[in-house]
């Protein structure tokens, strides 16, 4: 939830997927600061999304906990693939936001593409 009266209108939902890595680039953007040249950020500023601009964001999101028990995940569009303990799970977040129905066996081609 974000509030910044005078900069963008509230009371709306932005469905664009973002990730915590987007926070620092957004803060720098708000402050009109550039990131240090020695640092590369995986995140992107979400300020254009707040301002209602048609702005492409992440085509694919992926993360890895570094722990086999916790696993990793990839999200592209409505699809989310989770890998943990040598098992793959696939979810259609548009139809199943609570990730209750694993679709990996039904859609192996999507599993392979992700």
PDB file of N, CA and C in Angstrom:
ATOM      1  N   UNK A   1       0.844  -1.169   0.000  1.00  0.00           N
ATOM      2  CA  UNK A   1       0.000   0.000   0.000  1.00  0.00           C
ATOM      3  C   UNK A   1       0.883   1.225   0.000  1.00  0.00           C
ATOM      4  N   UNK A   2       0.524   2.146  -0.864  1.00  0.00           N
ATOM      5  CA  UNK A   2       1.334   3.347  -1.037  1.00  0.00           C
ATOM      6  C   UNK A   2       0.417   4.556  -1.068  1.00  0.00           C
ATOM      7  N   UNK A   3       0.835   5.618  -0.424  1.00  0.00           N
ATOM      8  CA  UNK A   3       0.093   6.876  -0.457  1.00  0.00           C
ATOM      9  C   UNK A   3       1.074   8.010  -0.710  1.00  0.00           C
ATOM     10  N   UNK A   4       0.764   8.828  -1.708  1.00  0.00           N
ATOM     11  CA  UNK A   4       1.572  10.005  -1.995  1.00  0.00           C
ATOM     12  C   UNK A   4       0.659  11.048  -2.635  1.00  0.00           C
ATOM     13  N   UNK A   5      -0.168  11.708  -1.805  1.00  0.00           N
ATOM     14  CA  UNK A   5      -1.106  12.690  -2.332  1.00  0.00           C
ATOM     15  C   UNK A   5      -0.372  13.764  -3.148  1.00  0.00           C
ATOM     16  N   UNK A   6      -0.973  14.130  -4.246  1.00  0.00           N
ATOM     17  CA  UNK A   6      -0.376  15.144  -5.107  1.00  0.00           C
ATOM     18  C   UNK A   6       0.531  14.576  -6.182  1.00  0.00           C
ATOM     19  N   UNK A   7       0.991  13.352  -6.000  1.00  0.00           N
ATOM     20  CA  UNK A   7       1.869  12.729  -6.988  1.00  0.00           C
ATOM     21  C   UNK A   7       1.148  11.677  -7.829  1.00  0.00           C
ATOM     22  N   UNK A   8       0.261  10.921  -7.208  1.00  0.00           N
ATOM     23  CA  UNK A   8      -0.544   9.960  -7.956  1.00  0.00           C
ATOM     24  C   UNK A   8      -1.826   9.696  -7.194  1.00  0.00           C
ATOM     25  N   UNK A   9      -2.846   9.304  -7.965  1.00  0.00           N
ATOM     26  CA  UNK A   9      -4.152   9.099  -7.342  1.00  0.00           C
ATOM     27  C   UNK A   9      -4.190   7.739  -6.659  1.00  0.00           C
ATOM     28  N   UNK A  10      -4.924   7.677  -5.583  1.00  0.00           N
ATOM     29  CA  UNK A  10      -5.059   6.446  -4.821  1.00  0.00           C
ATOM     30  C   UNK A  10      -6.328   5.704  -5.177  1.00  0.00           C
ATOM     31  N   UNK A  11      -6.645   4.716  -4.357  1.00  0.00           N
ATOM     32  CA  UNK A  11      -7.880   3.976  -4.525  1.00  0.00           C
ATOM     33  C   UNK A  11      -7.899   3.048  -5.708  1.00  0.00           C
ATOM     34  N   UNK A  12      -6.753   2.600  -6.142  1.00  0.00           N
ATOM     35  CA  UNK A  12      -6.722   1.677  -7.285  1.00  0.00           C
ATOM     36  C   UNK A  12      -5.815   0.501  -6.985  1.00  0.00           C
ATOM     37  N   UNK A  13      -5.955  -0.524  -7.783  1.00  0.00           N
ATOM     38  CA  UNK A  13      -5.147  -1.730  -7.661  1.00  0.00           C
ATOM     39  C   UNK A  13      -4.275  -1.828  -8.902  1.00  0.00           C
ATOM     40  N   UNK A  14      -3.005  -2.075  -8.697  1.00  0.00           N
ATOM     41  CA  UNK A  14      -2.072  -2.299  -9.799  1.00  0.00           C
ATOM     42  C   UNK A  14      -1.729  -3.782  -9.788  1.00  0.00           C
ATOM     43  N   UNK A  15      -2.086  -4.476 -10.848  1.00  0.00           N
ATOM     44  CA  UNK A  15      -1.905  -5.929 -10.901  1.00  0.00           C
ATOM     45  C   UNK A  15      -0.534  -6.363 -11.399  1.00  0.00           C
ATOM     46  N   UNK A  16       0.329  -5.440 -11.735  1.00  0.00           N
ATOM     47  CA  UNK A  16       1.648  -5.775 -12.256  1.00  0.00           C
ATOM     48  C   UNK A  16       2.484  -6.442 -11.167  1.00  0.00           C
ATOM     49  N   UNK A  17       3.003  -7.637 -11.426  1.00  0.00           N
ATOM     50  CA  UNK A  17       3.848  -8.289 -10.416  1.00  0.00           C
ATOM     51  C   UNK A  17       5.142  -7.503 -10.178  1.00  0.00           C
ATOM     52  N   UNK A  18       5.462  -7.341  -8.908  1.00  0.00           N
ATOM     53  CA  UNK A  18       6.721  -6.706  -8.523  1.00  0.00           C
ATOM     54  C   UNK A  18       7.411  -7.623  -7.515  1.00  0.00           C
ATOM     55  N   UNK A  19       8.631  -7.263  -7.147  1.00  0.00           N
ATOM     56  CA  UNK A  19       9.406  -8.065  -6.206  1.00  0.00           C
ATOM     57  C   UNK A  19      10.112  -7.107  -5.245  1.00  0.00           C
ATOM     58  N   UNK A  20      10.504  -7.576  -4.091  1.00  0.00           N
ATOM     59  CA  UNK A  20      11.133  -6.702  -3.095  1.00  0.00           C
ATOM     60  C   UNK A  20      12.377  -6.000  -3.646  1.00  0.00           C
ATOM     61  N   UNK A  21      13.030  -6.577  -4.637  1.00  0.00           N
ATOM     62  CA  UNK A  21      14.200  -5.946  -5.253  1.00  0.00           C
ATOM     63  C   UNK A  21      13.854  -4.607  -5.909  1.00  0.00           C
ATOM     64  N   UNK A  22      12.556  -4.360  -6.131  1.00  0.00           N
ATOM     65  CA  UNK A  22      12.125  -3.115  -6.770  1.00  0.00           C
ATOM     66  C   UNK A  22      12.090  -1.935  -5.809  1.00  0.00           C
ATOM     67  N   UNK A  23      12.178  -2.175  -4.514  1.00  0.00           N
ATOM     68  CA  UNK A  23      12.025  -1.101  -3.537  1.00  0.00           C
ATOM     69  C   UNK A  23      13.171  -0.092  -3.604  1.00  0.00           C
ATOM     70  N   UNK A  24      14.418  -0.548  -3.581  1.00  0.00           N
ATOM     71  CA  UNK A  24      15.547   0.387  -3.592  1.00  0.00           C
ATOM     72  C   UNK A  24      15.584   1.217  -4.878  1.00  0.00           C
ATOM     73  N   UNK A  25      15.439   0.617  -6.066  1.00  0.00           N
ATOM     74  CA  UNK A  25      15.411   1.458  -7.267  1.00  0.00           C
ATOM     75  C   UNK A  25      14.260   2.471  -7.252  1.00  0.00           C
ATOM     76  N   UNK A  26      13.151   2.115  -6.626  1.00  0.00           N
ATOM     77  CA  UNK A  26      12.017   3.043  -6.527  1.00  0.00           C
ATOM     78  C   UNK A  26      12.370   4.216  -5.621  1.00  0.00           C
ATOM     79  N   UNK A  27      12.984   3.931  -4.484  1.00  0.00           N
ATOM     80  CA  UNK A  27      13.387   5.002  -3.556  1.00  0.00           C
ATOM     81  C   UNK A  27      14.376   5.941  -4.248  1.00  0.00           C
ATOM     82  N   UNK A  28      15.347   5.387  -4.960  1.00  0.00           N
ATOM     83  CA  UNK A  28      16.305   6.226  -5.682  1.00  0.00           C
ATOM     84  C   UNK A  28      15.604   7.079  -6.730  1.00  0.00           C
ATOM     85  N   UNK A  29      14.614   6.496  -7.417  1.00  0.00           N
ATOM     86  CA  UNK A  29      13.854   7.227  -8.426  1.00  0.00           C
ATOM     87  C   UNK A  29      13.079   8.376  -7.785  1.00  0.00           C
ATOM     88  N   UNK A  30      12.438   8.126  -6.655  1.00  0.00           N
ATOM     89  CA  UNK A  30      11.680   9.165  -5.945  1.00  0.00           C
ATOM     90  C   UNK A  30      12.610  10.308  -5.529  1.00  0.00           C
ATOM     91  N   UNK A  31      13.810   9.951  -5.093  1.00  0.00           N
ATOM     92  CA  UNK A  31      14.782  10.961  -4.656  1.00  0.00           C
ATOM     93  C   UNK A  31      15.522  11.604  -5.821  1.00  0.00           C
ATOM     94  N   UNK A  32      15.222  11.140  -7.031  1.00  0.00           N
ATOM     95  CA  UNK A  32      15.886  11.628  -8.248  1.00  0.00           C
ATOM     96  C   UNK A  32      17.397  11.413  -8.179  1.00  0.00           C
ATOM     97  N   UNK A  33      17.770  10.261  -7.632  1.00  0.00           N
ATOM     98  CA  UNK A  33      19.174   9.881  -7.491  1.00  0.00           C
ATOM     99  C   UNK A  33      19.488   8.720  -8.429  1.00  0.00           C
ATOM    100  N   UNK A  34      20.721   8.630  -8.854  1.00  0.00           N
ATOM    101  CA  UNK A  34      21.177   7.513  -9.673  1.00  0.00           C
ATOM    102  C   UNK A  34      21.842   6.486  -8.780  1.00  0.00           C
ATOM    103  N   UNK A  35      21.717   5.203  -9.133  1.00  0.00           N
ATOM    104  CA  UNK A  35      22.431   4.195  -8.337  1.00  0.00           C
ATOM    105  C   UNK A  35      23.936   4.341  -8.537  1.00  0.00           C
ATOM    106  N   UNK A  36      24.716   3.908  -7.559  1.00  0.00           N
ATOM    107  CA  UNK A  36      26.172   3.939  -7.735  1.00  0.00           C
ATOM    108  C   UNK A  36      26.569   3.152  -8.990  1.00  0.00           C
ATOM    109  N   UNK A  37      27.544   3.664  -9.715  1.00  0.00           N
ATOM    110  CA  UNK A  37      27.966   3.005 -10.959  1.00  0.00           C
ATOM    111  C   UNK A  37      28.498   1.604 -10.719  1.00  0.00           C
ATOM    112  N   UNK A  38      28.967   1.335  -9.526  1.00  0.00           N
ATOM    113  CA  UNK A  38      29.542   0.021  -9.222  1.00  0.00           C
ATOM    114  C   UNK A  38      28.489  -1.001  -8.831  1.00  0.00           C
ATOM    115  N   UNK A  39      27.238  -0.599  -8.774  1.00  0.00           N
ATOM    116  CA  UNK A  39      26.173  -1.506  -8.343  1.00  0.00           C
ATOM    117  C   UNK A  39      25.179  -1.750  -9.475  1.00  0.00           C
ATOM    118  N   UNK A  40      24.873  -3.017  -9.693  1.00  0.00           N
ATOM    119  CA  UNK A  40      23.807  -3.393 -10.606  1.00  0.00           C
ATOM    120  C   UNK A  40      22.635  -3.867  -9.759  1.00  0.00           C
ATOM    121  N   UNK A  41      21.448  -3.417 -10.089  1.00  0.00           N
ATOM    122  CA  UNK A  41      20.260  -3.819  -9.359  1.00  0.00           C
ATOM    123  C   UNK A  41      19.416  -4.743 -10.222  1.00  0.00           C
ATOM    124  N   UNK A  42      18.891  -5.800  -9.613  1.00  0.00           N
ATOM    125  CA  UNK A  42      17.945  -6.668 -10.310  1.00  0.00           C
ATOM    126  C   UNK A  42      16.570  -6.012 -10.376  1.00  0.00           C
ATOM    127  N   UNK A  43      16.277  -5.139  -9.437  1.00  0.00           N
ATOM    128  CA  UNK A  43      14.970  -4.501  -9.384  1.00  0.00           C
ATOM    129  C   UNK A  43      14.853  -3.324 -10.329  1.00  0.00           C
ATOM    130  N   UNK A  44      13.605  -2.887 -10.507  1.00  0.00           N
ATOM    131  CA  UNK A  44      13.289  -1.731 -11.340  1.00  0.00           C
ATOM    132  C   UNK A  44      12.353  -0.829 -10.545  1.00  0.00           C
ATOM    133  N   UNK A  45      12.442   0.446 -10.794  1.00  0.00           N
ATOM    134  CA  UNK A  45      11.552   1.386 -10.112  1.00  0.00           C
ATOM    135  C   UNK A  45      10.099   1.109 -10.495  1.00  0.00           C
ATOM    136  N   UNK A  46       9.241   1.136  -9.483  1.00  0.00           N
ATOM    137  CA  UNK A  46       7.813   0.959  -9.734  1.00  0.00           C
ATOM    138  C   UNK A  46       7.086   2.305  -9.739  1.00  0.00           C
ATOM    139  N   UNK A  47       7.838   3.395  -9.643  1.00  0.00           N
ATOM    140  CA  UNK A  47       7.233   4.720  -9.671  1.00  0.00           C
ATOM    141  C   UNK A  47       6.398   4.953 -10.932  1.00  0.00           C
ATOM    142  N   UNK A  48       6.856   4.544 -12.128  1.00  0.00           N
ATOM    143  CA  UNK A  48       6.001   4.726 -13.314  1.00  0.00           C
ATOM    144  C   UNK A  48       4.662   3.989 -13.192  1.00  0.00           C
ATOM    145  N   UNK A  49       4.649   2.840 -12.528  1.00  0.00           N
ATOM    146  CA  UNK A  49       3.387   2.117 -12.324  1.00  0.00           C
ATOM    147  C   UNK A  49       2.457   2.910 -11.416  1.00  0.00           C
ATOM    148  N   UNK A  50       3.003   3.497 -10.356  1.00  0.00           N
ATOM    149  CA  UNK A  50       2.204   4.305  -9.447  1.00  0.00           C
ATOM    150  C   UNK A  50       1.591   5.501 -10.161  1.00  0.00           C
ATOM    151  N   UNK A  51       2.360   6.076 -11.087  1.00  0.00           N
ATOM    152  CA  UNK A  51       1.900   7.265 -11.796  1.00  0.00           C
ATOM    153  C   UNK A  51       0.985   6.930 -12.964  1.00  0.00           C
ATOM    154  N   UNK A  52       0.661   5.641 -13.140  1.00  0.00           N
ATOM    155  CA  UNK A  52      -0.295   5.241 -14.161  1.00  0.00           C
ATOM    156  C   UNK A  52       0.258   5.165 -15.558  1.00  0.00           C
ATOM    157  N   UNK A  53       1.563   5.187 -15.694  1.00  0.00           N
ATOM    158  CA  UNK A  53       2.165   5.109 -17.019  1.00  0.00           C
ATOM    159  C   UNK A  53       2.166   3.667 -17.494  1.00  0.00           C
ATOM    160  N   UNK A  54       1.909   3.478 -18.777  1.00  0.00           N
ATOM    161  CA  UNK A  54       1.983   2.148 -19.382  1.00  0.00           C
ATOM    162  C   UNK A  54       3.464   1.817 -19.509  1.00  0.00           C
ATOM    163  N   UNK A  55       3.953   1.057 -18.595  1.00  0.00           N
ATOM    164  CA  UNK A  55       5.394   0.846 -18.454  1.00  0.00           C
ATOM    165  C   UNK A  55       5.682  -0.642 -18.353  1.00  0.00           C
ATOM    166  N   UNK A  56       6.470  -1.186 -19.274  1.00  0.00           N
ATOM    167  CA  UNK A  56       6.805  -2.605 -19.126  1.00  0.00           C
ATOM    168  C   UNK A  56       7.636  -2.820 -17.862  1.00  0.00           C
ATOM    169  N   UNK A  57       7.329  -3.862 -17.156  1.00  0.00           N
ATOM    170  CA  UNK A  57       8.087  -4.137 -15.939  1.00  0.00           C
ATOM    171  C   UNK A  57       8.838  -5.452 -16.123  1.00  0.00           C
ATOM    172  N   UNK A  58       8.804  -6.353 -15.181  1.00  0.00           N
ATOM    173  CA  UNK A  58       9.533  -7.612 -15.298  1.00  0.00           C
ATOM    174  C   UNK A  58       8.775  -8.587 -16.207  1.00  0.00           C
ATOM    175  N   UNK A  59       9.441  -9.107 -17.227  1.00  0.00           N
ATOM    176  CA  UNK A  59       8.834 -10.153 -18.059  1.00  0.00           C
ATOM    177  C   UNK A  59       8.797 -11.472 -17.300  1.00  0.00           C
ATOM    178  N   UNK A  60       9.851 -11.713 -16.546  1.00  0.00           N
ATOM    179  CA  UNK A  60       9.978 -12.935 -15.761  1.00  0.00           C
ATOM    180  C   UNK A  60      10.556 -12.562 -14.399  1.00  0.00           C
ATOM    181  N   UNK A  61      10.007 -13.146 -13.350  1.00  0.00           N
ATOM    182  CA  UNK A  61      10.555 -12.991 -12.009  1.00  0.00           C
ATOM    183  C   UNK A  61      11.084 -14.349 -11.563  1.00  0.00           C
ATOM    184  N   UNK A  62      12.220 -14.347 -10.932  1.00  0.00           N
ATOM    185  CA  UNK A  62      12.745 -15.600 -10.408  1.00  0.00           C
ATOM    186  C   UNK A  62      13.505 -15.318  -9.122  1.00  0.00           C
ATOM    187  N   UNK A  63      13.484 -16.291  -8.234  1.00  0.00           N
ATOM    188  CA  UNK A  63      14.208 -16.165  -6.976  1.00  0.00           C
ATOM    189  C   UNK A  63      14.607 -17.544  -6.484  1.00  0.00           C
ATOM    190  N   UNK A  64      15.645 -17.538  -5.688  1.00  0.00           N
ATOM    191  CA  UNK A  64      16.210 -18.771  -5.154  1.00  0.00           C
ATOM    192  C   UNK A  64      16.591 -18.506  -3.705  1.00  0.00           C
ATOM    193  N   UNK A  65      16.134 -19.371  -2.816  1.00  0.00           N
ATOM    194  CA  UNK A  65      16.428 -19.178  -1.399  1.00  0.00           C
ATOM    195  C   UNK A  65      17.848 -19.606  -1.049  1.00  0.00           C
ATOM    196  N   UNK A  66      18.468 -20.399  -1.933  1.00  0.00           N
ATOM    197  CA  UNK A  66      19.782 -20.942  -1.618  1.00  0.00           C
ATOM    198  C   UNK A  66      19.716 -22.155  -0.725  1.00  0.00           C
ATOM    199  N   UNK A  67      18.516 -22.594  -0.407  1.00  0.00           N
ATOM    200  CA  UNK A  67      18.301 -23.741   0.476  1.00  0.00           C
ATOM    201  C   UNK A  67      17.385 -24.722  -0.253  1.00  0.00           C
ATOM    202  N   UNK A  68      17.867 -25.948  -0.475  1.00  0.00           N
ATOM    203  CA  UNK A  68      17.097 -26.930  -1.233  1.00  0.00           C
ATOM    204  C   UNK A  68      15.722 -27.189  -0.611  1.00  0.00           C
ATOM    205  N   UNK A  69      15.621 -27.104   0.711  1.00  0.00           N
ATOM    206  CA  UNK A  69      14.333 -27.329   1.371  1.00  0.00           C
ATOM    207  C   UNK A  69      13.332 -26.224   1.055  1.00  0.00           C
ATOM    208  N   UNK A  70      13.836 -25.001   0.926  1.00  0.00           N
ATOM    209  CA  UNK A  70      12.960 -23.868   0.637  1.00  0.00           C
ATOM    210  C   UNK A  70      12.746 -23.691  -0.867  1.00  0.00           C
ATOM    211  N   UNK A  71      13.759 -24.032  -1.655  1.00  0.00           N
ATOM    212  CA  UNK A  71      13.605 -24.073  -3.098  1.00  0.00           C
ATOM    213  C   UNK A  71      13.783 -22.766  -3.831  1.00  0.00           C
ATOM    214  N   UNK A  72      13.179 -22.732  -5.020  1.00  0.00           N
ATOM    215  CA  UNK A  72      13.276 -21.598  -5.931  1.00  0.00           C
ATOM    216  C   UNK A  72      11.933 -21.453  -6.650  1.00  0.00           C
ATOM    217  N   UNK A  73      11.773 -20.361  -7.359  1.00  0.00           N
ATOM    218  CA  UNK A  73      10.527 -20.151  -8.096  1.00  0.00           C
ATOM    219  C   UNK A  73      10.788 -19.270  -9.311  1.00  0.00           C
ATOM    220  N   UNK A  74       9.931 -19.442 -10.318  1.00  0.00           N
ATOM    221  CA  UNK A  74       9.944 -18.623 -11.521  1.00  0.00           C
ATOM    222  C   UNK A  74       8.502 -18.211 -11.791  1.00  0.00           C
ATOM    223  N   UNK A  75       8.312 -16.936 -12.092  1.00  0.00           N
ATOM    224  CA  UNK A  75       6.979 -16.479 -12.470  1.00  0.00           C
ATOM    225  C   UNK A  75       7.055 -15.765 -13.808  1.00  0.00           C
ATOM    226  N   UNK A  76       6.203 -16.199 -14.724  1.00  0.00           N
ATOM    227  CA  UNK A  76       6.088 -15.565 -16.032  1.00  0.00           C
ATOM    228  C   UNK A  76       4.603 -15.465 -16.349  1.00  0.00           C
ATOM    229  N   UNK A  77       4.127 -14.234 -16.474  1.00  0.00           N
ATOM    230  CA  UNK A  77       2.693 -14.040 -16.687  1.00  0.00           C
ATOM    231  C   UNK A  77       1.921 -14.573 -15.497  1.00  0.00           C
ATOM    232  N   UNK A  78       0.923 -15.391 -15.786  1.00  0.00           N
ATOM    233  CA  UNK A  78       0.111 -15.963 -14.706  1.00  0.00           C
ATOM    234  C   UNK A  78       0.695 -17.249 -14.146  1.00  0.00           C
ATOM    235  N   UNK A  79       1.744 -17.751 -14.759  1.00  0.00           N
ATOM    236  CA  UNK A  79       2.303 -19.044 -14.344  1.00  0.00           C
ATOM    237  C   UNK A  79       3.406 -18.880 -13.311  1.00  0.00           C
ATOM    238  N   UNK A  80       3.389 -19.742 -12.312  1.00  0.00           N
ATOM    239  CA  UNK A  80       4.452 -19.777 -11.299  1.00  0.00           C
ATOM    240  C   UNK A  80       4.904 -21.220 -11.141  1.00  0.00           C
ATOM    241  N   UNK A  81       6.193 -21.443 -11.345  1.00  0.00           N
ATOM    242  CA  UNK A  81       6.804 -22.761 -11.170  1.00  0.00           C
ATOM    243  C   UNK A  81       7.658 -22.721  -9.916  1.00  0.00           C
ATOM    244  N   UNK A  82       7.448 -23.689  -9.043  1.00  0.00           N
ATOM    245  CA  UNK A  82       8.202 -23.791  -7.794  1.00  0.00           C
ATOM    246  C   UNK A  82       8.971 -25.101  -7.807  1.00  0.00           C
ATOM    247  N   UNK A  83      10.239 -25.038  -7.449  1.00  0.00           N
ATOM    248  CA  UNK A  83      11.051 -26.237  -7.321  1.00  0.00           C
ATOM    249  C   UNK A  83      11.572 -26.358  -5.908  1.00  0.00           C
ATOM    250  N   UNK A  84      11.239 -27.472  -5.277  1.00  0.00           N
ATOM    251  CA  UNK A  84      11.795 -27.720  -3.945  1.00  0.00           C
ATOM    252  C   UNK A  84      11.897 -29.223  -3.725  1.00  0.00           C
ATOM    253  N   UNK A  85      13.021 -29.598  -3.159  1.00  0.00           N
ATOM    254  CA  UNK A  85      13.281 -31.013  -2.860  1.00  0.00           C
ATOM    255  C   UNK A  85      13.034 -31.904  -4.080  1.00  0.00           C
ATOM    256  N   UNK A  86      13.591 -31.511  -5.210  1.00  0.00           N
ATOM    257  CA  UNK A  86      13.506 -32.299  -6.450  1.00  0.00           C
ATOM    258  C   UNK A  86      12.089 -32.433  -6.990  1.00  0.00           C
ATOM    259  N   UNK A  87      11.148 -31.640  -6.504  1.00  0.00           N
ATOM    260  CA  UNK A  87       9.772 -31.687  -6.974  1.00  0.00           C
ATOM    261  C   UNK A  87       9.428 -30.347  -7.613  1.00  0.00           C
ATOM    262  N   UNK A  88       8.704 -30.405  -8.745  1.00  0.00           N
ATOM    263  CA  UNK A  88       8.253 -29.197  -9.413  1.00  0.00           C
ATOM    264  C   UNK A  88       6.746 -29.048  -9.260  1.00  0.00           C
ATOM    265  N   UNK A  89       6.317 -27.846  -8.958  1.00  0.00           N
ATOM    266  CA  UNK A  89       4.898 -27.536  -8.827  1.00  0.00           C
ATOM    267  C   UNK A  89       4.598 -26.344  -9.723  1.00  0.00           C
ATOM    268  N   UNK A  90       3.480 -26.404 -10.429  1.00  0.00           N
ATOM    269  CA  UNK A  90       3.082 -25.341 -11.342  1.00  0.00           C
ATOM    270  C   UNK A  90       1.701 -24.820 -10.952  1.00  0.00           C
ATOM    271  N   UNK A  91       1.567 -23.494 -10.944  1.00  0.00           N
ATOM    272  CA  UNK A  91       0.293 -22.885 -10.576  1.00  0.00           C
ATOM    273  C   UNK A  91      -0.085 -21.806 -11.583  1.00  0.00           C
ATOM    274  N   UNK A  92      -1.375 -21.700 -11.857  1.00  0.00           N
ATOM    275  CA  UNK A  92      -1.929 -20.620 -12.657  1.00  0.00           C
ATOM    276  C   UNK A  92      -2.476 -19.598 -11.665  1.00  0.00           C
ATOM    277  N   UNK A  93      -1.698 -18.555 -11.405  1.00  0.00           N
ATOM    278  CA  UNK A  93      -2.057 -17.594 -10.364  1.00  0.00           C
ATOM    279  C   UNK A  93      -3.297 -16.783 -10.721  1.00  0.00           C
ATOM    280  N   UNK A  94      -3.634 -16.720 -11.997  1.00  0.00           N
ATOM    281  CA  UNK A  94      -4.847 -16.010 -12.398  1.00  0.00           C
ATOM    282  C   UNK A  94      -6.095 -16.735 -11.906  1.00  0.00           C
ATOM    283  N   UNK A  95      -6.043 -18.062 -11.885  1.00  0.00           N
ATOM    284  CA  UNK A  95      -7.188 -18.875 -11.484  1.00  0.00           C
ATOM    285  C   UNK A  95      -7.044 -19.447 -10.077  1.00  0.00           C
ATOM    286  N   UNK A  96      -5.808 -19.434  -9.539  1.00  0.00           N
ATOM    287  CA  UNK A  96      -5.530 -20.116  -8.268  1.00  0.00           C
ATOM    288  C   UNK A  96      -4.470 -19.335  -7.491  1.00  0.00           C
ATOM    289  N   UNK A  97      -4.849 -18.168  -6.978  1.00  0.00           N
ATOM    290  CA  UNK A  97      -3.875 -17.309  -6.292  1.00  0.00           C
ATOM    291  C   UNK A  97      -3.373 -17.912  -4.989  1.00  0.00           C
ATOM    292  N   UNK A  98      -4.100 -18.862  -4.419  1.00  0.00           N
ATOM    293  CA  UNK A  98      -3.664 -19.486  -3.173  1.00  0.00           C
ATOM    294  C   UNK A  98      -2.747 -20.695  -3.414  1.00  0.00           C
ATOM    295  N   UNK A  99      -2.470 -20.985  -4.704  1.00  0.00           N
ATOM    296  CA  UNK A  99      -1.576 -22.088  -5.073  1.00  0.00           C
ATOM    297  C   UNK A  99      -2.029 -23.408  -4.462  1.00  0.00           C
ATOM    298  N   UNK A 100      -3.302 -23.730  -4.644  1.00  0.00           N
ATOM    299  CA  UNK A 100      -3.875 -24.953  -4.086  1.00  0.00           C
ATOM    300  C   UNK A 100      -3.823 -26.133  -5.047  1.00  0.00           C
ATOM    301  N   UNK A 101      -3.805 -25.874  -6.365  1.00  0.00           N
ATOM    302  CA  UNK A 101      -3.879 -26.951  -7.349  1.00  0.00           C
ATOM    303  C   UNK A 101      -2.620 -26.978  -8.202  1.00  0.00           C
ATOM    304  N   UNK A 102      -1.798 -27.994  -7.991  1.00  0.00           N
ATOM    305  CA  UNK A 102      -0.568 -28.175  -8.753  1.00  0.00           C
ATOM    306  C   UNK A 102      -0.912 -28.675 -10.159  1.00  0.00           C
ATOM    307  N   UNK A 103      -0.495 -27.930 -11.173  1.00  0.00           N
ATOM    308  CA  UNK A 103      -0.811 -28.256 -12.561  1.00  0.00           C
ATOM    309  C   UNK A 103       0.396 -28.777 -13.343  1.00  0.00           C
ATOM    310  N   UNK A 104       1.469 -29.127 -12.656  1.00  0.00           N
ATOM    311  CA  UNK A 104       2.705 -29.531 -13.333  1.00  0.00           C
ATOM    312  C   UNK A 104       2.507 -30.728 -14.249  1.00  0.00           C
ATOM    313  N   UNK A 105       1.767 -31.719 -13.830  1.00  0.00           N
ATOM    314  CA  UNK A 105       1.567 -32.912 -14.661  1.00  0.00           C
ATOM    315  C   UNK A 105       0.637 -32.618 -15.840  1.00  0.00           C
ATOM    316  N   UNK A 106      -0.270 -31.677 -15.672  1.00  0.00           N
ATOM    317  CA  UNK A 106      -1.225 -31.348 -16.730  1.00  0.00           C
ATOM    318  C   UNK A 106      -0.587 -30.495 -17.826  1.00  0.00           C
ATOM    319  N   UNK A 107       0.421 -29.684 -17.472  1.00  0.00           N
ATOM    320  CA  UNK A 107       1.038 -28.766 -18.428  1.00  0.00           C
ATOM    321  C   UNK A 107       2.566 -28.931 -18.444  1.00  0.00           C
ATOM    322  N   UNK A 108       3.071 -30.092 -18.862  1.00  0.00           N
ATOM    323  CA  UNK A 108       4.526 -30.304 -18.851  1.00  0.00           C
ATOM    324  C   UNK A 108       5.281 -29.351 -19.774  1.00  0.00           C
ATOM    325  N   UNK A 109       4.627 -28.899 -20.849  1.00  0.00           N
ATOM    326  CA  UNK A 109       5.296 -27.987 -21.775  1.00  0.00           C
ATOM    327  C   UNK A 109       5.572 -26.632 -21.116  1.00  0.00           C
ATOM    328  N   UNK A 110       4.675 -26.191 -20.229  1.00  0.00           N
ATOM    329  CA  UNK A 110       4.903 -24.937 -19.507  1.00  0.00           C
ATOM    330  C   UNK A 110       5.990 -25.124 -18.460  1.00  0.00           C
ATOM    331  N   UNK A 111       5.979 -26.252 -17.791  1.00  0.00           N
ATOM    332  CA  UNK A 111       7.032 -26.578 -16.830  1.00  0.00           C
ATOM    333  C   UNK A 111       8.391 -26.528 -17.529  1.00  0.00           C
ATOM    334  N   UNK A 112       8.493 -27.158 -18.684  1.00  0.00           N
ATOM    335  CA  UNK A 112       9.757 -27.190 -19.423  1.00  0.00           C
ATOM    336  C   UNK A 112      10.178 -25.806 -19.888  1.00  0.00           C
ATOM    337  N   UNK A 113       9.226 -24.978 -20.288  1.00  0.00           N
ATOM    338  CA  UNK A 113       9.580 -23.655 -20.785  1.00  0.00           C
ATOM    339  C   UNK A 113      10.051 -22.744 -19.650  1.00  0.00           C
ATOM    340  N   UNK A 114       9.473 -22.933 -18.460  1.00  0.00           N
ATOM    341  CA  UNK A 114       9.891 -22.102 -17.329  1.00  0.00           C
ATOM    342  C   UNK A 114      11.190 -22.616 -16.736  1.00  0.00           C
TER     343      UNK A 114
END
